[in-house]
Protein backbone atom coordinates (compact mmCIF):
# COMPACT_ATOMS: atom_id res chain seq x y z
CA MET A 1 66.35 105.73 180.27
CA LEU A 2 69.63 107.15 179.07
CA LYS A 3 70.80 103.72 178.05
CA GLU A 4 67.57 103.13 176.08
CA LYS A 5 68.02 106.48 174.32
CA HIS A 6 71.58 105.59 173.27
CA SER A 7 70.55 102.17 171.99
CA PHE A 8 67.63 103.73 170.11
CA LEU A 9 69.95 106.33 168.56
CA PHE A 10 72.44 103.62 167.71
CA VAL A 11 69.76 101.56 165.94
CA LEU A 12 68.50 104.68 164.19
CA GLN A 13 72.03 105.48 162.98
CA ILE A 14 72.45 101.93 161.63
CA LEU A 15 69.11 102.19 159.81
CA LYS A 16 70.16 105.51 158.28
CA SER A 17 73.39 103.92 157.11
CA TYR A 18 71.54 100.99 155.50
CA LEU A 19 69.01 103.34 153.95
CA LEU A 20 71.80 105.46 152.49
CA GLN A 21 73.53 102.35 151.11
CA ILE A 22 70.31 101.06 149.54
CA THR A 23 69.58 104.47 148.05
CA LEU A 24 73.08 104.69 146.54
CA ILE A 25 72.86 101.16 145.14
CA LEU A 26 69.51 101.87 143.53
CA PHE A 27 70.70 105.22 142.17
CA PHE A 28 73.89 103.81 140.61
CA SER A 29 72.15 100.74 139.22
CA TYR A 30 69.56 102.96 137.50
CA LEU A 31 72.13 105.53 136.28
CA PRO A 32 73.61 103.48 133.38
CA ILE A 33 70.14 102.83 131.98
CA VAL A 34 69.29 106.50 131.95
CA SER A 35 72.66 107.91 130.92
CA PHE A 36 73.20 105.60 127.92
CA ALA A 37 69.71 105.79 126.47
CA GLN A 38 70.48 108.14 123.61
CA THR A 39 67.99 109.59 121.23
CA GLY A 40 68.28 111.99 118.34
CA ASN A 41 69.44 112.18 114.76
CA ILE A 42 72.70 111.08 113.22
CA GLU A 43 74.28 113.42 110.73
CA ILE A 44 76.80 111.95 108.29
CA ILE A 45 79.32 114.43 107.02
CA ARG A 46 81.29 113.34 103.98
CA ASP A 47 83.25 114.92 101.23
CA ALA A 48 81.25 115.70 98.07
CA ARG A 49 84.02 114.05 96.04
CA VAL A 50 82.93 110.65 97.43
CA ASP A 51 79.54 111.02 95.71
CA THR A 52 81.28 112.05 92.48
CA LEU A 53 83.54 108.99 92.61
CA MET A 54 80.60 106.68 93.29
CA LYS A 55 78.68 108.08 90.30
CA ARG A 56 81.75 107.77 88.07
CA TYR A 57 82.35 104.15 89.18
CA THR A 58 78.71 103.24 88.52
CA GLN A 59 78.85 104.79 85.05
CA VAL A 60 82.08 102.98 84.16
CA GLN A 61 80.59 99.65 85.27
CA ARG A 62 77.46 100.25 83.18
CA ASP A 63 79.54 101.16 80.12
CA LYS A 64 81.79 98.16 80.63
CA GLY A 65 78.80 95.83 80.88
CA SER A 66 80.41 93.60 83.49
CA ILE A 67 81.25 93.56 87.17
CA GLU A 68 83.66 91.70 89.41
CA GLY A 69 81.97 88.54 90.60
CA TYR A 70 82.61 84.84 91.12
CA ARG A 71 82.47 81.63 89.13
CA ILE A 72 83.23 78.02 89.92
CA GLN A 73 86.04 76.43 87.96
CA ILE A 74 85.31 72.79 87.19
CA ALA A 75 88.18 71.75 84.91
CA ALA A 76 91.35 72.99 83.23
CA SER A 77 93.25 71.16 80.53
CA ALA A 78 95.40 71.76 77.48
CA ASN A 79 93.13 69.29 75.66
CA ARG A 80 90.12 71.19 74.35
CA THR A 81 88.10 68.03 73.71
CA ASN A 82 88.35 66.93 77.35
CA VAL A 83 87.09 70.28 78.58
CA TYR A 84 84.10 70.23 76.19
CA GLN A 85 83.28 66.66 77.28
CA THR A 86 83.31 67.83 80.90
CA LYS A 87 81.06 70.75 79.90
CA SER A 88 78.59 68.29 78.37
CA GLN A 89 78.59 66.13 81.51
CA PHE A 90 78.10 69.22 83.66
CA TYR A 91 75.16 70.41 81.53
CA ASN A 92 73.49 67.00 81.83
CA LEU A 93 73.74 67.15 85.64
CA PHE A 94 73.12 70.88 86.17
CA PRO A 95 71.18 72.32 83.21
CA ASP A 96 70.13 75.44 85.15
CA ILE A 97 73.73 76.65 85.75
CA LYS A 98 75.36 78.42 82.82
CA SER A 99 78.82 77.19 81.79
CA PHE A 100 81.70 78.89 79.96
CA VAL A 101 84.87 77.59 78.32
CA VAL A 102 87.71 80.10 78.61
CA TYR A 103 91.08 79.85 76.89
CA GLN A 104 94.05 81.11 78.86
CA ALA A 105 97.21 79.86 77.14
CA PRO A 106 98.03 77.02 77.29
CA ASN A 107 94.84 75.77 79.01
CA PHE A 108 91.14 75.62 78.35
CA LYS A 109 89.13 76.20 81.53
CA LEU A 110 85.54 75.27 82.28
CA ARG A 111 83.88 77.82 84.55
CA VAL A 112 80.27 77.84 85.63
CA GLY A 113 77.77 80.23 87.14
CA ASN A 114 77.45 83.99 87.54
CA TYR A 115 77.62 84.96 91.19
CA ARG A 116 77.81 88.39 92.75
CA THR A 117 79.06 87.10 96.10
CA ARG A 118 81.31 84.28 97.23
CA LEU A 119 78.47 82.97 99.41
CA GLU A 120 76.19 82.49 96.39
CA ALA A 121 78.97 80.60 94.63
CA PHE A 122 79.67 78.52 97.73
CA ASN A 123 76.07 77.28 97.85
CA ASP A 124 76.33 75.87 94.31
CA LEU A 125 79.86 74.60 94.93
CA GLN A 126 78.46 72.32 97.65
CA LYS A 127 76.13 70.76 95.05
CA ILE A 128 78.84 70.46 92.39
CA LEU A 129 81.73 69.04 94.46
CA PRO A 130 80.32 65.51 94.84
CA LYS A 131 80.17 65.16 91.02
CA PHE A 132 83.23 67.24 90.06
CA ASN A 133 85.90 66.79 92.69
CA GLY A 134 88.50 69.56 92.74
CA SER A 135 86.13 72.37 91.76
CA PHE A 136 86.80 75.74 93.35
CA ILE A 137 85.56 79.34 93.43
CA ILE A 138 87.42 82.04 91.51
CA ARG A 139 86.99 85.77 90.99
CA ASP A 140 85.97 86.61 87.44
CA GLU A 141 84.28 89.28 85.35
CA ILE A 142 80.60 88.52 84.99
CA LYS A 143 78.33 90.21 82.51
CA ILE A 144 75.51 92.26 84.03
CA ALA A 145 73.06 91.06 81.37
CA GLU A 146 73.61 87.43 82.45
CA LEU A 147 72.64 88.01 86.09
């Protein structure tokens, strides 16, 4: 009888140990879900001068009438006639994309498109490259009215 009691107590102690381990595992596996589930409001604190600068920048851009954007440069040459011939060829192939001839001494440059982002310019560049090898994207001032 005494031996049965000890074996029963031994089994009971092992079960308690397993139960404690299972409880701890369940508790700690559930804890990250509960402790990191955050709710509430986010308050952004910033200097009032930031708003003033943003308003001033917006006003300057409106007054200037242009913004920093992107264009695709198709050709550059000291020979004006060659650049205008390239412009004509470009217009025949892509009539929906606006083109510009810019003079920056000593070269005339053919630039096309008005793009706010490089990604927009890249999409058209993929269409243009097969016809005008060597074309590339450049940063340029683009007029707001032409967007």
